[in-house]
Amino acid sequence: MEALVNRIWYQNHWAKWLLWPLSWLFALISAVRRGLFRLGVKPVEQLPVPVLLVGNITVGGSGKTPMVIYLVELLRQHGYQPGVISRGYGSEQQHPRLVNVGSSASDVGDEPAMIVQRTQVPMAVGQDRIATAKCLLAAHAVDIIISDDGLQHYRLGRDIELVVVDGQRQLGNGMLLPAGPLREGAWRLASVDFVVENGASEDTEQRYAMQLQAGDVQPLSGYAVLTAKQVKAVAGIGNPQRFFDTLTQLGYDVAQTQCFADHHPYCAADFEGAANGLPVIMTEKDAIKCRTFTLDNCWFLPVNAQLSANFSAQLLAKVATAVAQKTDR
């Protein structure tokens, strides 16, 4: 089913026209909902600290998690105390809870577990983002909140909106759900503060370029060094081909690939006997879900977002303005 959906959304499959009437219905419902918030019928709740929202207008991965990590580190370098909130997609939690180093991905979600493992940033997850933000503020002295996703969660007041676009897939066939991958039309990009294109080589007037720089592969357990070049690549992310291409660019001979659904809940059986002795390399997001069982000859590849000095300066200027406005209220 996932393969068919990808063909419809990204390969111009004719079946998109069968779903087109449902996309119109989705557009109508979305427009009515936005209108209710714009007219004040549904209230927008403002938080006492600025909210920097990192989202997308497409379904699936676009590079938001490396972007969030980049922002955490950038803000810290300039004296801010950021915190992060997330829905915690894939977790079993319904009520707000804090994320700690070592938190289980099944409890808090794979991306939140990875963000905190990497940065030790104060973070909370929950389905109600307002309640989640209040949980975070009650537990930690943060002066700016980064919302991981939630662009369409209009109840959450936001001071800065940043959208990440996949440079390979772009906006797919340009249609709204379910005929296409869009949660909102392409028009939405014109209303946000920053559009970041994951994979672009340089900034343009409309978009800031983001590159993902790979680090050294790390073993899931122990301290071994990977010397073999022929490997099996495993990915359970929104765009696995990007990961496979990265390994090839790093000089690995990717002899086998295996794709799982985004946010796949791994178990040891997923790795039994399928690699034929080859080292297995996975993404860092996949690896965070494999800490509860022992895997030999398995590795993960960390990546770091890189953006221009111009982007950082523009972002920090927006943050400073948002902080001043909150202080004046």
Protein backbone atom coordinates (compact mmCIF):
# COMPACT_ATOMS: atom_id res chain seq x y z
CA MET A 1 0.00 0.00 0.00
CA GLU A 2 2.80 2.44 0.91
CA ALA A 3 4.48 1.80 -2.46
CA LEU A 4 1.23 2.57 -4.30
CA VAL A 5 0.73 5.77 -2.32
CA ASN A 6 4.25 6.91 -3.20
CA ARG A 7 3.58 6.25 -6.89
CA ILE A 8 0.38 8.27 -6.73
CA TRP A 9 1.92 11.16 -4.82
CA TYR A 10 5.39 11.36 -6.36
CA GLN A 11 5.32 9.53 -9.72
CA ASN A 12 2.19 11.04 -11.29
CA HIS A 13 0.22 7.78 -11.16
CA TRP A 14 -3.18 8.04 -12.87
CA ALA A 15 -4.99 6.87 -9.70
CA LYS A 16 -4.63 10.38 -8.28
CA TRP A 17 -7.69 11.37 -10.30
CA LEU A 18 -9.80 8.77 -8.50
CA LEU A 19 -8.94 10.46 -5.21
CA TRP A 20 -9.24 14.01 -6.52
CA PRO A 21 -12.86 14.55 -5.32
CA LEU A 22 -11.80 13.60 -1.80
CA SER A 23 -9.03 16.18 -2.00
CA TRP A 24 -11.63 18.87 -2.67
CA LEU A 25 -13.54 17.73 0.40
CA PHE A 26 -10.32 17.86 2.43
CA ALA A 27 -9.64 21.38 1.09
CA LEU A 28 -13.11 22.53 2.12
CA ILE A 29 -12.85 21.14 5.65
CA SER A 30 -9.36 22.62 6.08
CA ALA A 31 -10.48 26.04 4.82
CA VAL A 32 -13.46 26.12 7.19
CA ARG A 33 -11.23 25.16 10.11
CA ARG A 34 -8.65 27.86 9.30
CA GLY A 35 -11.46 30.38 8.96
CA LEU A 36 -12.84 29.58 12.39
CA PHE A 37 -9.46 30.34 13.94
CA ARG A 38 -8.97 33.47 11.85
CA LEU A 39 -12.39 34.83 12.89
CA GLY A 40 -11.82 33.99 16.54
CA VAL A 41 -14.62 31.43 16.73
CA LYS A 42 -11.96 28.92 17.74
CA PRO A 43 -9.45 30.54 20.12
CA VAL A 44 -5.71 30.68 19.50
CA GLU A 45 -3.77 30.25 22.75
CA GLN A 46 -0.60 32.29 23.21
CA LEU A 47 2.22 31.12 25.46
CA PRO A 48 4.31 33.39 27.72
CA VAL A 49 7.47 32.67 25.71
CA PRO A 50 8.00 32.82 21.93
CA VAL A 51 7.10 29.74 19.89
CA LEU A 52 9.26 28.84 16.90
CA LEU A 53 7.32 26.26 14.90
CA VAL A 54 9.15 23.86 12.58
CA GLY A 55 6.71 22.11 10.27
CA ASN A 56 5.93 21.07 6.74
CA ILE A 57 2.99 21.08 4.37
CA THR A 58 3.58 17.53 3.14
CA VAL A 59 3.03 14.18 4.78
CA GLY A 60 6.21 12.26 5.61
CA GLY A 61 9.76 13.15 6.44
CA SER A 62 11.38 16.29 5.09
CA GLY A 63 14.29 16.83 7.48
CA LYS A 64 12.54 18.50 10.42
CA THR A 65 14.44 16.61 13.12
CA PRO A 66 17.95 17.72 12.02
CA MET A 67 16.51 21.23 11.66
CA VAL A 68 15.21 21.18 15.24
CA ILE A 69 18.58 19.99 16.53
CA TYR A 70 20.32 22.75 14.56
CA LEU A 71 17.99 25.37 16.08
CA VAL A 72 18.52 24.07 19.61
CA GLU A 73 22.27 24.39 19.24
CA LEU A 74 22.09 27.77 17.47
CA LEU A 75 19.85 29.30 20.14
CA ARG A 76 22.01 27.96 22.95
CA GLN A 77 25.11 29.45 21.34
CA HIS A 78 23.43 32.86 21.50
CA GLY A 79 22.37 32.72 25.13
CA TYR A 80 18.82 31.35 24.86
CA GLN A 81 17.42 28.46 26.85
CA PRO A 82 15.26 26.59 24.33
CA GLY A 83 12.83 23.80 25.02
CA VAL A 84 11.09 21.53 22.52
CA ILE A 85 7.55 20.18 22.29
CA SER A 86 6.28 17.44 20.00
CA ARG A 87 3.25 15.26 19.53
CA GLY A 88 5.54 12.24 19.96
CA TYR A 89 4.27 10.43 16.90
CA GLY A 90 4.37 6.65 17.27
CA SER A 91 4.40 6.75 21.07
CA GLU A 92 1.84 5.23 23.39
CA GLN A 93 1.39 8.45 25.38
CA GLN A 94 -1.82 10.45 25.28
CA HIS A 95 -1.11 12.86 28.12
CA PRO A 96 1.83 15.31 28.31
CA ARG A 97 5.05 13.94 29.68
CA LEU A 98 8.67 15.02 29.85
CA VAL A 99 11.32 13.34 27.73
CA ASN A 100 14.54 12.28 29.45
CA VAL A 101 17.83 10.91 28.18
CA GLY A 102 17.19 7.20 27.76
CA SER A 103 13.41 7.55 27.39
CA SER A 104 11.95 4.72 25.34
CA ALA A 105 10.89 5.53 21.80
CA SER A 106 7.70 3.56 22.41
CA ASP A 107 6.88 5.92 25.30
CA VAL A 108 7.80 9.29 23.79
CA GLY A 109 8.30 8.72 20.04
CA ASP A 110 11.46 8.01 18.08
CA GLU A 111 12.26 11.59 17.05
CA PRO A 112 11.83 13.11 20.56
CA ALA A 113 13.97 10.30 22.03
CA MET A 114 16.65 11.02 19.44
CA ILE A 115 16.54 14.81 19.91
CA VAL A 116 17.00 14.54 23.68
CA GLN A 117 19.65 11.82 23.38
CA ARG A 118 21.64 14.09 21.06
CA THR A 119 21.13 17.48 22.75
CA GLN A 120 19.78 16.90 26.31
CA VAL A 121 17.34 19.75 25.58
CA PRO A 122 14.31 20.11 27.88
CA MET A 123 11.45 18.47 25.97
CA ALA A 124 7.87 17.32 26.44
CA VAL A 125 5.52 15.31 24.25
CA GLY A 126 1.75 14.97 24.12
CA GLN A 127 -1.22 15.07 21.79
CA ASP A 128 -2.42 18.45 23.13
CA ARG A 129 0.38 20.85 22.27
CA ILE A 130 -0.86 23.61 24.57
CA ALA A 131 -0.95 21.26 27.56
CA THR A 132 2.41 19.85 26.50
CA ALA A 133 3.99 23.31 26.36
CA LYS A 134 2.60 24.14 29.81
CA CYS A 135 4.03 20.88 31.14
CA LEU A 136 7.44 21.86 29.76
CA LEU A 137 7.27 25.40 31.16
CA ALA A 138 6.28 24.12 34.60
CA ALA A 139 9.31 21.83 34.75
CA HIS A 140 12.05 23.86 33.05
CA ALA A 141 13.18 27.49 32.81
CA VAL A 142 13.01 27.83 29.02
CA ASP A 143 12.72 31.20 27.30
CA ILE A 144 11.74 29.96 23.81
CA ILE A 145 9.85 26.88 22.68
CA ILE A 146 10.56 25.04 19.45
CA SER A 147 7.50 23.13 18.27
CA ASP A 148 8.49 20.05 16.30
CA ASP A 149 5.67 19.89 13.72
CA GLY A 150 2.20 21.34 14.27
CA LEU A 151 2.01 23.84 11.41
CA GLN A 152 -1.68 22.97 10.96
CA HIS A 153 -2.33 22.96 14.74
CA TYR A 154 -3.71 26.51 14.66
CA ARG A 155 -4.83 26.49 18.28
CA LEU A 156 -1.16 26.86 19.20
CA GLY A 157 -0.13 30.48 18.85
CA ARG A 158 3.22 30.84 17.13
CA ASP A 159 5.61 33.74 16.68
CA ILE A 160 7.83 32.28 13.94
CA GLU A 161 6.91 29.67 11.33
CA LEU A 162 9.58 27.66 9.53
CA VAL A 163 8.71 25.07 6.88
CA VAL A 164 11.12 22.39 5.68
CA VAL A 165 10.71 21.14 2.10
CA ASP A 166 12.28 17.93 0.77
CA GLY A 167 14.51 19.06 -2.09
CA GLN A 168 14.12 15.74 -3.91
CA ARG A 169 10.39 15.16 -3.58
CA GLN A 170 9.38 18.83 -3.40
CA LEU A 171 5.57 18.97 -3.19
CA GLY A 172 4.94 15.75 -5.08
CA ASN A 173 2.06 15.99 -7.54
CA GLY A 174 0.90 19.24 -5.92
CA MET A 175 -2.44 17.83 -4.77
CA LEU A 176 -3.98 17.84 -1.32
CA LEU A 177 -4.60 14.68 0.66
CA PRO A 178 -5.50 11.98 -0.22
CA ALA A 179 -4.75 12.45 -3.95
CA GLY A 180 -1.42 14.07 -3.08
CA PRO A 181 0.91 14.55 -0.11
CA LEU A 182 -0.10 18.12 0.75
CA ARG A 183 -1.72 19.00 4.08
CA GLU A 184 -2.16 22.55 2.83
CA GLY A 185 -1.76 24.10 -0.61
CA ALA A 186 1.52 25.47 -1.93
CA TRP A 187 0.14 28.95 -1.19
CA ARG A 188 0.92 28.31 2.48
CA LEU A 189 4.64 28.66 1.83
CA ALA A 190 4.17 32.36 1.08
CA SER A 191 2.75 33.01 4.54
CA VAL A 192 5.54 31.53 6.67
CA ASP A 193 8.67 33.29 7.89
CA PHE A 194 11.24 30.80 6.54
CA VAL A 195 11.17 28.10 3.88
CA VAL A 196 14.16 25.76 4.15
CA GLU A 197 14.88 23.32 1.32
CA ASN A 198 16.60 20.15 2.45
CA GLY A 199 19.20 19.25 -0.18
CA ALA A 200 19.43 22.63 -1.93
CA SER A 201 22.95 23.83 -2.69
CA GLU A 202 22.54 27.55 -2.02
CA ASP A 203 20.08 30.12 -0.70
CA THR A 204 17.63 31.84 -3.04
CA GLU A 205 15.25 34.74 -2.52
CA GLN A 206 12.44 32.34 -1.65
CA ARG A 207 14.23 29.51 0.18
CA TYR A 208 17.18 28.86 2.46
CA ALA A 209 19.39 25.87 1.62
CA MET A 210 19.98 23.07 4.10
CA GLN A 211 22.52 20.31 3.64
CA LEU A 212 22.76 17.21 5.81
CA GLN A 213 26.39 16.48 6.61
CA ALA A 214 27.08 12.89 7.61
CA GLY A 215 29.25 12.09 10.60
CA ASP A 216 31.19 8.88 11.24
CA VAL A 217 29.15 5.69 11.49
CA GLN A 218 28.68 4.55 15.08
CA PRO A 219 28.17 0.98 16.35
CA LEU A 220 24.89 0.25 18.10
CA SER A 221 26.90 -1.40 20.85
CA GLY A 222 30.59 -1.45 21.76
CA TYR A 223 33.36 0.63 20.27
CA ALA A 224 34.26 -1.19 17.05
CA VAL A 225 35.32 0.61 13.88
CA LEU A 226 33.57 -0.27 10.63
CA THR A 227 36.16 -1.13 7.97
CA ALA A 228 34.00 -3.02 5.46
CA LYS A 229 32.67 -1.05 2.50
CA GLN A 230 30.00 -3.47 1.28
CA VAL A 231 26.95 -3.04 3.49
CA LYS A 232 23.23 -3.51 3.86
CA ALA A 233 21.26 -0.30 4.38
CA VAL A 234 18.09 -0.23 6.47
CA ALA A 235 15.74 2.74 6.80
CA GLY A 236 12.36 3.40 8.36
CA ILE A 237 12.04 7.08 7.46
CA GLY A 238 9.91 9.22 5.17
CA ASN A 239 12.38 9.25 2.26
CA PRO A 240 14.67 6.20 2.56
CA GLN A 241 16.25 6.73 -0.86
CA ARG A 242 17.94 9.88 0.40
CA PHE A 243 19.66 7.80 3.09
CA PHE A 244 20.72 5.10 0.62
CA ASP A 245 22.12 7.74 -1.74
CA THR A 246 24.07 9.32 1.13
CA LEU A 247 25.76 6.01 1.92
CA THR A 248 26.73 5.60 -1.73
CA GLN A 249 28.15 9.13 -1.80
CA LEU A 250 30.21 8.28 1.29
CA GLY A 251 31.84 5.42 -0.62
CA TYR A 252 29.85 2.45 0.65
CA ASP A 253 28.83 -0.34 -1.70
CA VAL A 254 25.16 -0.72 -0.77
CA ALA A 255 24.64 -4.34 -1.73
CA GLN A 256 21.22 -4.63 -0.09
CA THR A 257 18.53 -2.23 1.03
CA GLN A 258 15.49 -2.75 3.22
CA CYS A 259 12.75 -0.18 3.73
CA PHE A 260 10.36 -0.08 6.65
CA ALA A 261 7.45 2.27 7.21
CA ASP A 262 8.25 5.63 8.78
CA HIS A 263 8.35 5.29 12.60
CA HIS A 264 8.51 1.48 12.31
CA PRO A 265 8.70 -0.14 15.80
CA TYR A 266 11.77 -2.35 15.37
CA CYS A 267 12.29 -5.70 17.03
CA ALA A 268 15.23 -8.11 16.92
CA ALA A 269 13.41 -10.33 14.40
CA ASP A 270 13.65 -7.53 11.81
CA PHE A 271 17.40 -8.17 11.60
CA GLU A 272 17.61 -11.96 11.76
CA GLY A 273 19.44 -13.65 8.92
CA ALA A 274 18.61 -11.16 6.19
CA ALA A 275 21.99 -9.43 5.80
CA ASN A 276 24.04 -12.52 4.84
CA GLY A 277 26.92 -11.41 7.02
CA LEU A 278 27.00 -7.84 5.71
CA PRO A 279 27.31 -4.96 8.18
CA VAL A 280 23.95 -3.21 8.59
CA ILE A 281 23.84 0.59 8.58
CA MET A 282 20.68 2.42 9.61
CA THR A 283 19.67 5.99 10.37
CA GLU A 284 20.08 7.51 13.82
CA LYS A 285 16.30 7.67 14.16
CA ASP A 286 16.07 3.93 13.50
CA ALA A 287 18.91 3.19 15.92
CA ILE A 288 17.18 4.92 18.83
CA LYS A 289 14.48 2.23 18.64
CA CYS A 290 17.00 -0.64 18.69
CA ARG A 291 18.56 0.11 22.09
CA THR A 292 16.40 -2.42 23.93
CA PHE A 293 17.88 -5.46 22.19
CA THR A 294 21.42 -6.45 21.24
CA LEU A 295 22.42 -6.24 17.59
CA ASP A 296 25.85 -7.33 16.41
CA ASN A 297 27.41 -5.88 13.29
CA CYS A 298 24.87 -3.02 13.20
CA TRP A 299 25.74 0.65 12.85
CA PHE A 300 24.04 4.00 12.47
CA LEU A 301 24.90 7.15 10.57
CA PRO A 302 24.39 10.48 12.39
CA VAL A 303 23.76 13.56 10.25
CA ASN A 304 23.92 17.26 11.06
CA ALA A 305 22.08 20.10 9.36
CA GLN A 306 24.17 22.85 7.83
CA LEU A 307 22.70 26.22 6.88
CA SER A 308 24.14 29.54 5.82
CA ALA A 309 25.30 32.30 8.12
CA ASN A 310 22.65 34.48 6.47
CA PHE A 311 19.89 32.10 7.57
CA SER A 312 21.19 32.03 11.13
CA ALA A 313 21.36 35.82 11.28
CA GLN A 314 17.84 36.24 9.91
CA LEU A 315 16.46 33.61 12.28
CA LEU A 316 18.13 35.14 15.33
CA ALA A 317 16.81 38.58 14.37
CA LYS A 318 13.27 37.18 14.25
CA VAL A 319 13.75 35.51 17.62
CA ALA A 320 15.03 38.73 19.18
CA THR A 321 11.97 40.58 17.89
CA ALA A 322 9.63 37.88 19.21
CA VAL A 323 11.28 37.97 22.64
CA ALA A 324 10.96 41.77 22.79
CA GLN A 325 7.29 41.60 21.84
CA LYS A 326 6.57 39.02 24.55
CA THR A 327 8.41 41.14 27.11
CA ASP A 328 6.37 44.24 26.22
CA ARG A 329 3.03 42.50 26.73
